[in-house]
Amino acid sequence: MLAEYETEVTFPPGAAGILFEPVIRCGSRATGARVVGFSPMGASDATGLISPTGSSEAGAIASEHVNVGSVLVLVDDVCTKTMSFDRIMVSVCSP
């Protein structure tokens, strides 16, 4: 069950145009993922940019639930709160 401040958003396969950053950085360790912006183009890689070249951010922005500052807490029903940022990006980028 979702808390009142949580929302579930499902995107179809493909780019969502979301730019993430780690929620916590401690030395070389980075955990969690927070939305820092939206990008109309870029490359799908471990930098947190989830958007192949030429795609649009329409999916994320149109959801009306994904905002700058939103924290990703689940990917495919797996908790991401303590997961490494790199592992989260692999999970999000995987088809």
PDB file of N, CA and C in Angstrom:
ATOM      1  N   MET A   1       0.838  -1.177   0.000  1.00  0.00           N
ATOM      2  CA  MET A   1       0.000   0.000   0.000  1.00  0.00           C
ATOM      3  C   MET A   1       0.889   1.249   0.000  1.00  0.00           C
ATOM      4  N   LEU A   2       0.535   2.203  -0.813  1.00  0.00           N
ATOM      5  CA  LEU A   2       1.309   3.430  -0.928  1.00  0.00           C
ATOM      6  C   LEU A   2       0.951   4.421   0.175  1.00  0.00           C
ATOM      7  N   ALA A   3       1.957   5.119   0.658  1.00  0.00           N
ATOM      8  CA  ALA A   3       1.715   6.213   1.596  1.00  0.00           C
ATOM      9  C   ALA A   3       1.104   7.372   0.819  1.00  0.00           C
ATOM     10  N   GLU A   4       0.485   8.316   1.508  1.00  0.00           N
ATOM     11  CA  GLU A   4      -0.187   9.429   0.823  1.00  0.00           C
ATOM     12  C   GLU A   4       0.764  10.278  -0.013  1.00  0.00           C
ATOM     13  N   TYR A   5       2.046  10.278   0.310  1.00  0.00           N
ATOM     14  CA  TYR A   5       3.018  11.074  -0.443  1.00  0.00           C
ATOM     15  C   TYR A   5       3.707  10.258  -1.532  1.00  0.00           C
ATOM     16  N   GLU A   6       3.337   8.988  -1.692  1.00  0.00           N
ATOM     17  CA  GLU A   6       3.925   8.141  -2.728  1.00  0.00           C
ATOM     18  C   GLU A   6       2.939   7.984  -3.869  1.00  0.00           C
ATOM     19  N   THR A   7       3.470   7.730  -5.042  1.00  0.00           N
ATOM     20  CA  THR A   7       2.631   7.481  -6.199  1.00  0.00           C
ATOM     21  C   THR A   7       3.300   6.421  -7.055  1.00  0.00           C
ATOM     22  N   GLU A   8       2.510   5.622  -7.718  1.00  0.00           N
ATOM     23  CA  GLU A   8       3.049   4.590  -8.601  1.00  0.00           C
ATOM     24  C   GLU A   8       2.945   5.086 -10.032  1.00  0.00           C
ATOM     25  N   VAL A   9       4.052   5.004 -10.751  1.00  0.00           N
ATOM     26  CA  VAL A   9       4.095   5.437 -12.141  1.00  0.00           C
ATOM     27  C   VAL A   9       4.676   4.294 -12.958  1.00  0.00           C
ATOM     28  N   THR A  10       3.991   3.920 -14.016  1.00  0.00           N
ATOM     29  CA  THR A  10       4.466   2.863 -14.901  1.00  0.00           C
ATOM     30  C   THR A  10       4.661   3.461 -16.282  1.00  0.00           C
ATOM     31  N   PHE A  11       5.833   3.221 -16.843  1.00  0.00           N
ATOM     32  CA  PHE A  11       6.135   3.704 -18.187  1.00  0.00           C
ATOM     33  C   PHE A  11       6.220   2.525 -19.127  1.00  0.00           C
ATOM     34  N   PRO A  12       5.783   2.692 -20.365  1.00  0.00           N
ATOM     35  CA  PRO A  12       5.965   1.631 -21.349  1.00  0.00           C
ATOM     36  C   PRO A  12       7.452   1.498 -21.665  1.00  0.00           C
ATOM     37  N   PRO A  13       7.857   0.369 -22.252  1.00  0.00           N
ATOM     38  CA  PRO A  13       9.278   0.223 -22.619  1.00  0.00           C
ATOM     39  C   PRO A  13       9.741   1.395 -23.478  1.00  0.00           C
ATOM     40  N   GLY A  14      10.980   1.786 -23.295  1.00  0.00           N
ATOM     41  CA  GLY A  14      11.541   2.899 -24.054  1.00  0.00           C
ATOM     42  C   GLY A  14      11.985   4.009 -23.129  1.00  0.00           C
ATOM     43  N   ALA A  15      12.429   5.065 -23.710  1.00  0.00           N
ATOM     44  CA  ALA A  15      12.988   6.183 -22.955  1.00  0.00           C
ATOM     45  C   ALA A  15      11.925   6.985 -22.234  1.00  0.00           C
ATOM     46  N   ALA A  16      12.254   7.412 -21.028  1.00  0.00           N
ATOM     47  CA  ALA A  16      11.359   8.289 -20.272  1.00  0.00           C
ATOM     48  C   ALA A  16      11.941   9.692 -20.188  1.00  0.00           C
ATOM     49  N   GLY A  17      13.218   9.869 -20.529  1.00  0.00           N
ATOM     50  CA  GLY A  17      13.835  11.191 -20.512  1.00  0.00           C
ATOM     51  C   GLY A  17      14.040  11.757 -19.127  1.00  0.00           C
ATOM     52  N   ILE A  18      14.385  10.898 -18.172  1.00  0.00           N
ATOM     53  CA  ILE A  18      14.559  11.336 -16.782  1.00  0.00           C
ATOM     54  C   ILE A  18      16.037  11.345 -16.420  1.00  0.00           C
ATOM     55  N   LEU A  19      16.483  12.410 -15.777  1.00  0.00           N
ATOM     56  CA  LEU A  19      17.860  12.527 -15.313  1.00  0.00           C
ATOM     57  C   LEU A  19      17.869  12.335 -13.802  1.00  0.00           C
ATOM     58  N   PHE A  20      18.686  11.382 -13.315  1.00  0.00           N
ATOM     59  CA  PHE A  20      18.759  11.052 -11.895  1.00  0.00           C
ATOM     60  C   PHE A  20      20.110  11.433 -11.300  1.00  0.00           C
ATOM     61  N   GLU A  21      20.116  11.574  -9.967  1.00  0.00           N
ATOM     62  CA  GLU A  21      21.347  11.712  -9.202  1.00  0.00           C
ATOM     63  C   GLU A  21      21.205  10.820  -7.975  1.00  0.00           C
ATOM     64  N   PRO A  22      22.311  10.430  -7.343  1.00  0.00           N
ATOM     65  CA  PRO A  22      22.207   9.653  -6.116  1.00  0.00           C
ATOM     66  C   PRO A  22      21.530  10.465  -5.009  1.00  0.00           C
ATOM     67  N   VAL A  23      20.795   9.782  -4.140  1.00  0.00           N
ATOM     68  CA  VAL A  23      20.167  10.444  -2.992  1.00  0.00           C
ATOM     69  C   VAL A  23      21.221  10.688  -1.917  1.00  0.00           C
ATOM     70  N   ILE A  24      22.092   9.703  -1.704  1.00  0.00           N
ATOM     71  CA  ILE A  24      23.130   9.808  -0.673  1.00  0.00           C
ATOM     72  C   ILE A  24      24.481   9.498  -1.292  1.00  0.00           C
ATOM     73  N   ARG A  25      25.466  10.354  -0.997  1.00  0.00           N
ATOM     74  CA  ARG A  25      26.857  10.102  -1.388  1.00  0.00           C
ATOM     75  C   ARG A  25      27.686  10.066  -0.111  1.00  0.00           C
ATOM     76  N   CYS A  26      28.442   9.002   0.040  1.00  0.00           N
ATOM     77  CA  CYS A  26      29.321   8.866   1.200  1.00  0.00           C
ATOM     78  C   CYS A  26      30.631   8.289   0.694  1.00  0.00           C
ATOM     79  N   GLY A  27      31.623   9.143   0.569  1.00  0.00           N
ATOM     80  CA  GLY A  27      32.888   8.701  -0.024  1.00  0.00           C
ATOM     81  C   GLY A  27      32.644   8.303  -1.462  1.00  0.00           C
ATOM     82  N   SER A  28      33.039   7.079  -1.806  1.00  0.00           N
ATOM     83  CA  SER A  28      32.846   6.605  -3.177  1.00  0.00           C
ATOM     84  C   SER A  28      31.509   5.881  -3.348  1.00  0.00           C
ATOM     85  N   ARG A  29      30.744   5.756  -2.285  1.00  0.00           N
ATOM     86  CA  ARG A  29      29.455   5.042  -2.342  1.00  0.00           C
ATOM     87  C   ARG A  29      28.322   6.023  -2.632  1.00  0.00           C
ATOM     88  N   ALA A  30      27.463   5.644  -3.573  1.00  0.00           N
ATOM     89  CA  ALA A  30      26.298   6.447  -3.926  1.00  0.00           C
ATOM     90  C   ALA A  30      25.078   5.531  -3.901  1.00  0.00           C
ATOM     91  N   THR A  31      24.030   5.922  -3.175  1.00  0.00           N
ATOM     92  CA  THR A  31      22.838   5.085  -3.080  1.00  0.00           C
ATOM     93  C   THR A  31      21.585   5.876  -3.401  1.00  0.00           C
ATOM     94  N   GLY A  32      20.549   5.144  -3.780  1.00  0.00           N
ATOM     95  CA  GLY A  32      19.269   5.750  -4.105  1.00  0.00           C
ATOM     96  C   GLY A  32      19.312   6.528  -5.406  1.00  0.00           C
ATOM     97  N   ALA A  33      18.146   7.008  -5.845  1.00  0.00           N
ATOM     98  CA  ALA A  33      18.069   7.797  -7.082  1.00  0.00           C
ATOM     99  C   ALA A  33      16.963   8.836  -6.953  1.00  0.00           C
ATOM    100  N   ARG A  34      17.322  10.091  -7.237  1.00  0.00           N
ATOM    101  CA  ARG A  34      16.391  11.219  -7.172  1.00  0.00           C
ATOM    102  C   ARG A  34      16.361  11.895  -8.549  1.00  0.00           C
ATOM    103  N   VAL A  35      15.176  12.321  -8.968  1.00  0.00           N
ATOM    104  CA  VAL A  35      15.011  13.021 -10.246  1.00  0.00           C
ATOM    105  C   VAL A  35      15.600  14.428 -10.128  1.00  0.00           C
ATOM    106  N   VAL A  36      16.502  14.773 -11.061  1.00  0.00           N
ATOM    107  CA  VAL A  36      17.069  16.121 -11.071  1.00  0.00           C
ATOM    108  C   VAL A  36      16.650  16.912 -12.307  1.00  0.00           C
ATOM    109  N   GLY A  37      16.009  16.247 -13.248  1.00  0.00           N
ATOM    110  CA  GLY A  37      15.559  16.965 -14.430  1.00  0.00           C
ATOM    111  C   GLY A  37      15.069  16.027 -15.514  1.00  0.00           C
ATOM    112  N   PHE A  38      14.748  16.623 -16.651  1.00  0.00           N
ATOM    113  CA  PHE A  38      14.245  15.884 -17.797  1.00  0.00           C
ATOM    114  C   PHE A  38      15.050  16.292 -19.014  1.00  0.00           C
ATOM    115  N   SER A  39      15.290  15.339 -19.889  1.00  0.00           N
ATOM    116  CA  SER A  39      16.106  15.621 -21.057  1.00  0.00           C
ATOM    117  C   SER A  39      15.448  15.096 -22.316  1.00  0.00           C
ATOM    118  N   PRO A  40      15.385  15.921 -23.358  1.00  0.00           N
ATOM    119  CA  PRO A  40      14.808  15.459 -24.610  1.00  0.00           C
ATOM    120  C   PRO A  40      15.730  14.548 -25.400  1.00  0.00           C
ATOM    121  N   MET A  41      17.015  14.521 -25.055  1.00  0.00           N
ATOM    122  CA  MET A  41      17.916  13.614 -25.773  1.00  0.00           C
ATOM    123  C   MET A  41      19.140  13.332 -24.928  1.00  0.00           C
ATOM    124  N   GLY A  42      19.858  12.305 -25.308  1.00  0.00           N
ATOM    125  CA  GLY A  42      21.030  11.889 -24.562  1.00  0.00           C
ATOM    126  C   GLY A  42      21.344  10.448 -24.872  1.00  0.00           C
ATOM    127  N   ALA A  43      22.024   9.783 -23.973  1.00  0.00           N
ATOM    128  CA  ALA A  43      22.378   8.386 -24.175  1.00  0.00           C
ATOM    129  C   ALA A  43      22.043   7.605 -22.918  1.00  0.00           C
ATOM    130  N   SER A  44      21.566   6.400 -23.099  1.00  0.00           N
ATOM    131  CA  SER A  44      21.264   5.552 -21.959  1.00  0.00           C
ATOM    132  C   SER A  44      22.567   4.992 -21.414  1.00  0.00           C
ATOM    133  N   ASP A  45      22.957   5.451 -20.226  1.00  0.00           N
ATOM    134  CA  ASP A  45      24.207   4.985 -19.643  1.00  0.00           C
ATOM    135  C   ASP A  45      24.157   5.118 -18.135  1.00  0.00           C
ATOM    136  N   ALA A  46      25.238   4.824 -17.474  1.00  0.00           N
ATOM    137  CA  ALA A  46      25.269   4.822 -16.009  1.00  0.00           C
ATOM    138  C   ALA A  46      25.364   6.223 -15.408  1.00  0.00           C
ATOM    139  N   THR A  47      25.265   7.270 -16.199  1.00  0.00           N
ATOM    140  CA  THR A  47      25.319   8.626 -15.643  1.00  0.00           C
ATOM    141  C   THR A  47      23.964   9.053 -15.112  1.00  0.00           C
ATOM    142  N   GLY A  48      22.950   8.237 -15.351  1.00  0.00           N
ATOM    143  CA  GLY A  48      21.629   8.577 -14.871  1.00  0.00           C
ATOM    144  C   GLY A  48      20.725   9.175 -15.927  1.00  0.00           C
ATOM    145  N   LEU A  49      21.215   9.339 -17.140  1.00  0.00           N
ATOM    146  CA  LEU A  49      20.381   9.882 -18.207  1.00  0.00           C
ATOM    147  C   LEU A  49      19.689   8.721 -18.897  1.00  0.00           C
ATOM    148  N   ILE A  50      18.401   8.620 -18.735  1.00  0.00           N
ATOM    149  CA  ILE A  50      17.640   7.504 -19.275  1.00  0.00           C
ATOM    150  C   ILE A  50      16.881   8.002 -20.495  1.00  0.00           C
ATOM    151  N   SER A  51      17.554   8.068 -21.612  1.00  0.00           N
ATOM    152  CA  SER A  51      16.922   8.614 -22.800  1.00  0.00           C
ATOM    153  C   SER A  51      17.816   8.440 -24.007  1.00  0.00           C
ATOM    154  N   PRO A  52      17.460   7.550 -24.938  1.00  0.00           N
ATOM    155  CA  PRO A  52      18.280   7.420 -26.135  1.00  0.00           C
ATOM    156  C   PRO A  52      18.253   8.703 -26.968  1.00  0.00           C
ATOM    157  N   THR A  53      19.259   8.899 -27.775  1.00  0.00           N
ATOM    158  CA  THR A  53      19.363  10.092 -28.608  1.00  0.00           C
ATOM    159  C   THR A  53      18.089  10.314 -29.410  1.00  0.00           C
ATOM    160  N   GLY A  54      17.591  11.537 -29.341  1.00  0.00           N
ATOM    161  CA  GLY A  54      16.439  11.919 -30.144  1.00  0.00           C
ATOM    162  C   GLY A  54      15.088  11.638 -29.509  1.00  0.00           C
ATOM    163  N   SER A  55      15.024  10.972 -28.365  1.00  0.00           N
ATOM    164  CA  SER A  55      13.720  10.692 -27.759  1.00  0.00           C
ATOM    165  C   SER A  55      13.240  11.914 -26.983  1.00  0.00           C
ATOM    166  N   SER A  56      11.996  11.881 -26.528  1.00  0.00           N
ATOM    167  CA  SER A  56      11.476  13.041 -25.788  1.00  0.00           C
ATOM    168  C   SER A  56      11.162  12.688 -24.355  1.00  0.00           C
ATOM    169  N   GLU A  57      11.031  13.704 -23.551  1.00  0.00           N
ATOM    170  CA  GLU A  57      10.713  13.521 -22.147  1.00  0.00           C
ATOM    171  C   GLU A  57       9.214  13.490 -21.911  1.00  0.00           C
ATOM    172  N   ALA A  58       8.429  13.447 -22.952  1.00  0.00           N
ATOM    173  CA  ALA A  58       6.971  13.553 -22.823  1.00  0.00           C
ATOM    174  C   ALA A  58       6.384  12.533 -21.860  1.00  0.00           C
ATOM    175  N   GLY A  59       6.885  11.306 -21.857  1.00  0.00           N
ATOM    176  CA  GLY A  59       6.344  10.268 -20.972  1.00  0.00           C
ATOM    177  C   GLY A  59       6.447  10.651 -19.519  1.00  0.00           C
ATOM    178  N   ALA A  60       7.601  11.114 -19.091  1.00  0.00           N
ATOM    179  CA  ALA A  60       7.810  11.472 -17.689  1.00  0.00           C
ATOM    180  C   ALA A  60       7.020  12.711 -17.315  1.00  0.00           C
ATOM    181  N   ILE A  61       7.066  13.726 -18.146  1.00  0.00           N
ATOM    182  CA  ILE A  61       6.381  14.973 -17.821  1.00  0.00           C
ATOM    183  C   ILE A  61       4.867  14.782 -17.885  1.00  0.00           C
ATOM    184  N   ALA A  62       4.399  14.005 -18.860  1.00  0.00           N
ATOM    185  CA  ALA A  62       2.962  13.782 -19.003  1.00  0.00           C
ATOM    186  C   ALA A  62       2.385  12.992 -17.835  1.00  0.00           C
ATOM    187  N   SER A  63       3.213  12.247 -17.130  1.00  0.00           N
ATOM    188  CA  SER A  63       2.698  11.454 -16.015  1.00  0.00           C
ATOM    189  C   SER A  63       2.143  12.348 -14.903  1.00  0.00           C
ATOM    190  N   GLU A  64       2.601  13.575 -14.829  1.00  0.00           N
ATOM    191  CA  GLU A  64       2.200  14.547 -13.805  1.00  0.00           C
ATOM    192  C   GLU A  64       2.548  14.095 -12.392  1.00  0.00           C
ATOM    193  N   HIS A  65       3.238  12.975 -12.259  1.00  0.00           N
ATOM    194  CA  HIS A  65       3.610  12.467 -10.949  1.00  0.00           C
ATOM    195  C   HIS A  65       5.112  12.446 -10.755  1.00  0.00           C
ATOM    196  N   VAL A  66       5.855  12.637 -11.818  1.00  0.00           N
ATOM    197  CA  VAL A  66       7.310  12.641 -11.726  1.00  0.00           C
ATOM    198  C   VAL A  66       7.762  14.089 -11.767  1.00  0.00           C
ATOM    199  N   ASN A  67       8.390  14.521 -10.686  1.00  0.00           N
ATOM    200  CA  ASN A  67       8.841  15.906 -10.577  1.00  0.00           C
ATOM    201  C   ASN A  67      10.298  15.928 -10.150  1.00  0.00           C
ATOM    202  N   VAL A  68      10.967  17.046 -10.401  1.00  0.00           N
ATOM    203  CA  VAL A  68      12.314  17.223  -9.882  1.00  0.00           C
ATOM    204  C   VAL A  68      12.215  17.060  -8.363  1.00  0.00           C
ATOM    205  N   GLY A  69      13.082  16.240  -7.810  1.00  0.00           N
ATOM    206  CA  GLY A  69      13.060  15.957  -6.378  1.00  0.00           C
ATOM    207  C   GLY A  69      12.389  14.643  -6.031  1.00  0.00           C
ATOM    208  N   SER A  70      11.630  14.065  -6.960  1.00  0.00           N
ATOM    209  CA  SER A  70      11.013  12.759  -6.708  1.00  0.00           C
ATOM    210  C   SER A  70      12.095  11.717  -6.480  1.00  0.00           C
ATOM    211  N   VAL A  71      11.865  10.825  -5.527  1.00  0.00           N
ATOM    212  CA  VAL A  71      12.830   9.766  -5.219  1.00  0.00           C
ATOM    213  C   VAL A  71      12.261   8.439  -5.690  1.00  0.00           C
ATOM    214  N   LEU A  72      13.078   7.700  -6.422  1.00  0.00           N
ATOM    215  CA  LEU A  72      12.710   6.381  -6.920  1.00  0.00           C
ATOM    216  C   LEU A  72      12.823   5.391  -5.763  1.00  0.00           C
ATOM    217  N   VAL A  73      11.741   4.705  -5.420  1.00  0.00           N
ATOM    218  CA  VAL A  73      11.788   3.778  -4.291  1.00  0.00           C
ATOM    219  C   VAL A  73      11.637   2.316  -4.692  1.00  0.00           C
ATOM    220  N   LEU A  74      11.072   2.040  -5.867  1.00  0.00           N
ATOM    221  CA  LEU A  74      10.936   0.676  -6.365  1.00  0.00           C
ATOM    222  C   LEU A  74      11.184   0.630  -7.862  1.00  0.00           C
ATOM    223  N   VAL A  75      11.837  -0.425  -8.318  1.00  0.00           N
ATOM    224  CA  VAL A  75      11.946  -0.708  -9.746  1.00  0.00           C
ATOM    225  C   VAL A  75      11.547  -2.170  -9.897  1.00  0.00           C
ATOM    226  N   ASP A  76      10.486  -2.425 -10.632  1.00  0.00           N
ATOM    227  CA  ASP A  76       9.966  -3.789 -10.799  1.00  0.00           C
ATOM    228  C   ASP A  76       9.776  -4.470  -9.443  1.00  0.00           C
ATOM    229  N   ASP A  77       9.158  -3.761  -8.509  1.00  0.00           N
ATOM    230  CA  ASP A  77       8.848  -4.254  -7.164  1.00  0.00           C
ATOM    231  C   ASP A  77      10.068  -4.563  -6.300  1.00  0.00           C
ATOM    232  N   VAL A  78      11.231  -4.030  -6.650  1.00  0.00           N
ATOM    233  CA  VAL A  78      12.447  -4.195  -5.852  1.00  0.00           C
ATOM    234  C   VAL A  78      12.790  -2.842  -5.230  1.00  0.00           C
ATOM    235  N   CYS A  79      12.956  -2.823  -3.903  1.00  0.00           N
ATOM    236  CA  CYS A  79      13.262  -1.590  -3.186  1.00  0.00           C
ATOM    237  C   CYS A  79      14.625  -1.044  -3.609  1.00  0.00           C
ATOM    238  N   THR A  80      14.674   0.247  -3.872  1.00  0.00           N
ATOM    239  CA  THR A  80      15.921   0.880  -4.305  1.00  0.00           C
ATOM    240  C   THR A  80      16.521   1.794  -3.244  1.00  0.00           C
ATOM    241  N   LYS A  81      15.898   1.885  -2.079  1.00  0.00           N
ATOM    242  CA  LYS A  81      16.324   2.847  -1.065  1.00  0.00           C
ATOM    243  C   LYS A  81      17.774   2.673  -0.632  1.00  0.00           C
ATOM    244  N   THR A  82      18.253   1.433  -0.559  1.00  0.00           N
ATOM    245  CA  THR A  82      19.643   1.196  -0.155  1.00  0.00           C
ATOM    246  C   THR A  82      20.477   0.609  -1.291  1.00  0.00           C
ATOM    247  N   MET A  83      19.917   0.515  -2.471  1.00  0.00           N
ATOM    248  CA  MET A  83      20.611  -0.028  -3.631  1.00  0.00           C
ATOM    249  C   MET A  83      21.612   0.999  -4.165  1.00  0.00           C
ATOM    250  N   SER A  84      22.721   0.520  -4.704  1.00  0.00           N
ATOM    251  CA  SER A  84      23.701   1.448  -5.261  1.00  0.00           C
ATOM    252  C   SER A  84      23.093   2.180  -6.459  1.00  0.00           C
ATOM    253  N   PHE A  85      23.527   3.412  -6.655  1.00  0.00           N
ATOM    254  CA  PHE A  85      23.044   4.222  -7.767  1.00  0.00           C
ATOM    255  C   PHE A  85      23.310   3.520  -9.098  1.00  0.00           C
ATOM    256  N   ASP A  86      24.506   2.957  -9.254  1.00  0.00           N
ATOM    257  CA  ASP A  86      24.838   2.262 -10.504  1.00  0.00           C
ATOM    258  C   ASP A  86      23.897   1.090 -10.766  1.00  0.00           C
ATOM    259  N   ARG A  87      23.583   0.336  -9.722  1.00  0.00           N
ATOM    260  CA  ARG A  87      22.688  -0.815  -9.890  1.00  0.00           C
ATOM    261  C   ARG A  87      21.269  -0.329 -10.249  1.00  0.00           C
ATOM    262  N   ILE A  88      20.834   0.755  -9.662  1.00  0.00           N
ATOM    263  CA  ILE A  88      19.524   1.311  -9.984  1.00  0.00           C
ATOM    264  C   ILE A  88      19.487   1.706 -11.456  1.00  0.00           C
ATOM    265  N   MET A  89      20.544   2.370 -11.929  1.00  0.00           N
ATOM    266  CA  MET A  89      20.561   2.797 -13.329  1.00  0.00           C
ATOM    267  C   MET A  89      20.537   1.597 -14.272  1.00  0.00           C
ATOM    268  N   VAL A  90      21.224   0.523 -13.908  1.00  0.00           N
ATOM    269  CA  VAL A  90      21.177  -0.697 -14.729  1.00  0.00           C
ATOM    270  C   VAL A  90      19.755  -1.253 -14.730  1.00  0.00           C
ATOM    271  N   SER A  91      19.105  -1.280 -13.570  1.00  0.00           N
ATOM    272  CA  SER A  91      17.738  -1.789 -13.469  1.00  0.00           C
ATOM    273  C   SER A  91      16.764  -0.951 -14.287  1.00  0.00           C
ATOM    274  N   VAL A  92      16.905   0.364 -14.223  1.00  0.00           N
ATOM    275  CA  VAL A  92      16.009   1.258 -14.947  1.00  0.00           C
ATOM    276  C   VAL A  92      16.249   1.183 -16.446  1.00  0.00           C
ATOM    277  N   CYS A  93      17.493   1.024 -16.858  1.00  0.00           N
ATOM    278  CA  CYS A  93      17.838   1.003 -18.275  1.00  0.00           C
ATOM    279  C   CYS A  93      17.554  -0.341 -18.944  1.00  0.00           C
ATOM    280  N   SER A  94      17.417  -1.397 -18.147  1.00  0.00           N
ATOM    281  CA  SER A  94      17.191  -2.727 -18.720  1.00  0.00           C
ATOM    282  C   SER A  94      15.782  -2.836 -19.259  1.00  0.00           C
ATOM    283  N   PRO A  95      15.647  -3.500 -20.438  1.00  0.00           N
ATOM    284  CA  PRO A  95      14.312  -3.678 -21.015  1.00  0.00           C
ATOM    285  C   PRO A  95      13.455  -4.629 -20.203  1.00  0.00           C
TER     286      PRO A  95
END
